């Protein structure tokens, strides 16, 4: 698993998708809209569906890490304080969160028939 590809998705692609969708987070998939903007909106919706399917327990705070660090741009130092793990454990949880995101994201794309697939490998 190449974690950097997922980090790049959140750093570069996610803000573009958000802007192209009219700064509106869609949660519905519209397969009837075959335009490029329709595809972007669907990918953004899949992104949010995926984030909300991530585990968010004290043992696996994946949703918190993804939302706080990649969406809200909170520093890892602040996230370490929030979730209560040391730096190394938080970095490990961050990588686990990215891996989990990639797996669920691919499943959601296939389940909702949003093609072409974005793959993180």
Protein backbone atom coordinates (compact mmCIF):
# COMPACT_ATOMS: atom_id res chain seq x y z
CA UNK A 1 0.00 0.00 0.00
CA UNK A 2 1.42 3.37 -1.00
CA UNK A 3 0.21 5.75 1.67
CA UNK A 4 1.62 8.75 -0.19
CA UNK A 5 -0.93 8.30 -3.00
CA UNK A 6 -3.77 8.53 -0.50
CA UNK A 7 -2.17 11.54 1.19
CA UNK A 8 -1.80 13.18 -2.24
CA UNK A 9 -5.47 12.47 -2.95
CA UNK A 10 -6.50 14.39 0.17
CA UNK A 11 -3.90 17.13 -0.38
CA UNK A 12 -4.41 17.74 -4.11
CA UNK A 13 -7.49 15.98 -5.48
CA UNK A 14 -9.99 16.38 -2.65
CA UNK A 15 -9.84 20.23 -2.62
CA UNK A 16 -10.32 20.27 -6.42
CA UNK A 17 -13.26 17.88 -6.22
CA UNK A 18 -14.79 20.05 -3.51
CA UNK A 19 -14.39 23.22 -5.59
CA UNK A 20 -15.63 21.60 -8.81
CA UNK A 21 -18.71 20.30 -7.06
CA UNK A 22 -19.67 23.84 -6.12
CA UNK A 23 -18.23 23.63 -2.59
CA UNK A 24 -21.06 21.31 -1.69
CA UNK A 25 -20.53 17.86 -0.26
CA UNK A 26 -22.90 15.60 -2.10
CA UNK A 27 -23.85 12.37 -0.40
CA UNK A 28 -25.98 10.98 -3.22
CA UNK A 29 -24.54 9.16 -6.20
CA UNK A 30 -26.05 10.29 -9.52
CA UNK A 31 -25.18 7.74 -12.20
CA UNK A 32 -27.42 9.52 -14.73
CA UNK A 33 -25.09 12.52 -14.87
CA UNK A 34 -22.41 11.39 -17.35
CA UNK A 35 -20.58 14.73 -17.41
CA UNK A 36 -17.12 15.21 -16.00
CA UNK A 37 -18.52 17.38 -13.19
CA UNK A 38 -21.06 14.62 -12.45
CA UNK A 39 -18.19 12.14 -12.13
CA UNK A 40 -16.33 14.49 -9.77
CA UNK A 41 -19.43 14.93 -7.62
CA UNK A 42 -19.84 11.15 -7.47
CA UNK A 43 -16.20 10.68 -6.42
CA UNK A 44 -16.67 13.33 -3.72
CA UNK A 45 -19.81 11.55 -2.51
CA UNK A 46 -17.93 8.23 -2.45
CA UNK A 47 -15.16 9.93 -0.47
CA UNK A 48 -17.62 11.08 2.19
CA UNK A 49 -19.44 7.75 2.28
CA UNK A 50 -16.08 6.07 2.78
CA UNK A 51 -14.98 8.44 5.54
CA UNK A 52 -18.20 7.83 7.43
CA UNK A 53 -17.77 4.07 7.14
CA UNK A 54 -14.35 4.19 8.79
CA UNK A 55 -14.05 2.90 12.34
CA UNK A 56 -14.08 5.58 14.99
CA UNK A 57 -13.41 3.88 18.30
CA UNK A 58 -10.76 4.73 20.91
CA UNK A 59 -8.76 1.75 19.66
CA UNK A 60 -9.19 2.60 15.95
CA UNK A 61 -9.79 6.37 15.61
CA UNK A 62 -9.56 6.23 11.82
CA UNK A 63 -12.46 8.57 11.05
CA UNK A 64 -11.18 11.17 13.50
CA UNK A 65 -7.68 11.06 12.04
CA UNK A 66 -8.85 11.39 8.42
CA UNK A 67 -11.35 14.16 9.08
CA UNK A 68 -9.21 16.17 11.47
CA UNK A 69 -5.92 15.90 9.57
CA UNK A 70 -6.93 15.72 5.91
CA UNK A 71 -10.24 17.62 5.84
CA UNK A 72 -9.92 20.13 8.70
CA UNK A 73 -6.09 20.43 8.38
CA UNK A 74 -5.41 20.00 12.09
CA UNK A 75 -1.76 19.26 12.84
CA UNK A 76 -0.74 15.76 13.87
CA UNK A 77 0.57 17.23 17.14
CA UNK A 78 -2.98 18.32 18.04
CA UNK A 79 -4.44 15.00 16.89
CA UNK A 80 -1.95 13.17 19.13
CA UNK A 81 -3.37 15.10 22.09
CA UNK A 82 -6.96 14.48 20.98
CA UNK A 83 -6.75 10.72 20.54
CA UNK A 84 -4.32 10.10 23.39
CA UNK A 85 -1.66 8.01 21.64
CA UNK A 86 2.06 8.74 21.48
CA UNK A 87 3.61 10.04 18.25
CA UNK A 88 4.70 6.65 16.88
CA UNK A 89 1.38 4.98 17.69
CA UNK A 90 -0.53 7.89 16.12
CA UNK A 91 1.56 7.64 12.95
CA UNK A 92 0.83 3.92 12.81
CA UNK A 93 -2.91 4.59 13.33
CA UNK A 94 -2.72 7.23 10.58
CA UNK A 95 -1.28 4.69 8.14
CA UNK A 96 -3.92 2.15 9.20
CA UNK A 97 -6.61 4.79 8.61
CA UNK A 98 -5.26 5.52 5.12
CA UNK A 99 -5.14 1.81 4.31
CA UNK A 100 -8.68 1.29 5.57
CA UNK A 101 -9.85 4.32 3.58
CA UNK A 102 -8.32 2.92 0.36
CA UNK A 103 -9.97 -0.48 0.82
CA UNK A 104 -13.42 0.90 1.61
CA UNK A 105 -13.14 3.55 -1.13
CA UNK A 106 -12.54 0.89 -3.78
CA UNK A 107 -15.44 -1.22 -2.48
CA UNK A 108 -17.77 1.80 -2.52
CA UNK A 109 -16.77 2.73 -6.08
CA UNK A 110 -17.54 -0.78 -7.29
CA UNK A 111 -20.75 -1.07 -5.26
CA UNK A 112 -22.03 2.28 -6.57
CA UNK A 113 -20.70 1.69 -10.11
CA UNK A 114 -18.64 4.88 -10.26
CA UNK A 115 -16.16 4.33 -13.11
CA UNK A 116 -13.32 4.81 -13.97
CA UNK A 117 -12.02 3.61 -10.63
CA UNK A 118 -9.57 5.68 -8.62
CA UNK A 119 -7.06 3.22 -7.23
CA UNK A 120 -4.41 3.65 -4.56
CA UNK A 121 -1.80 0.97 -5.16
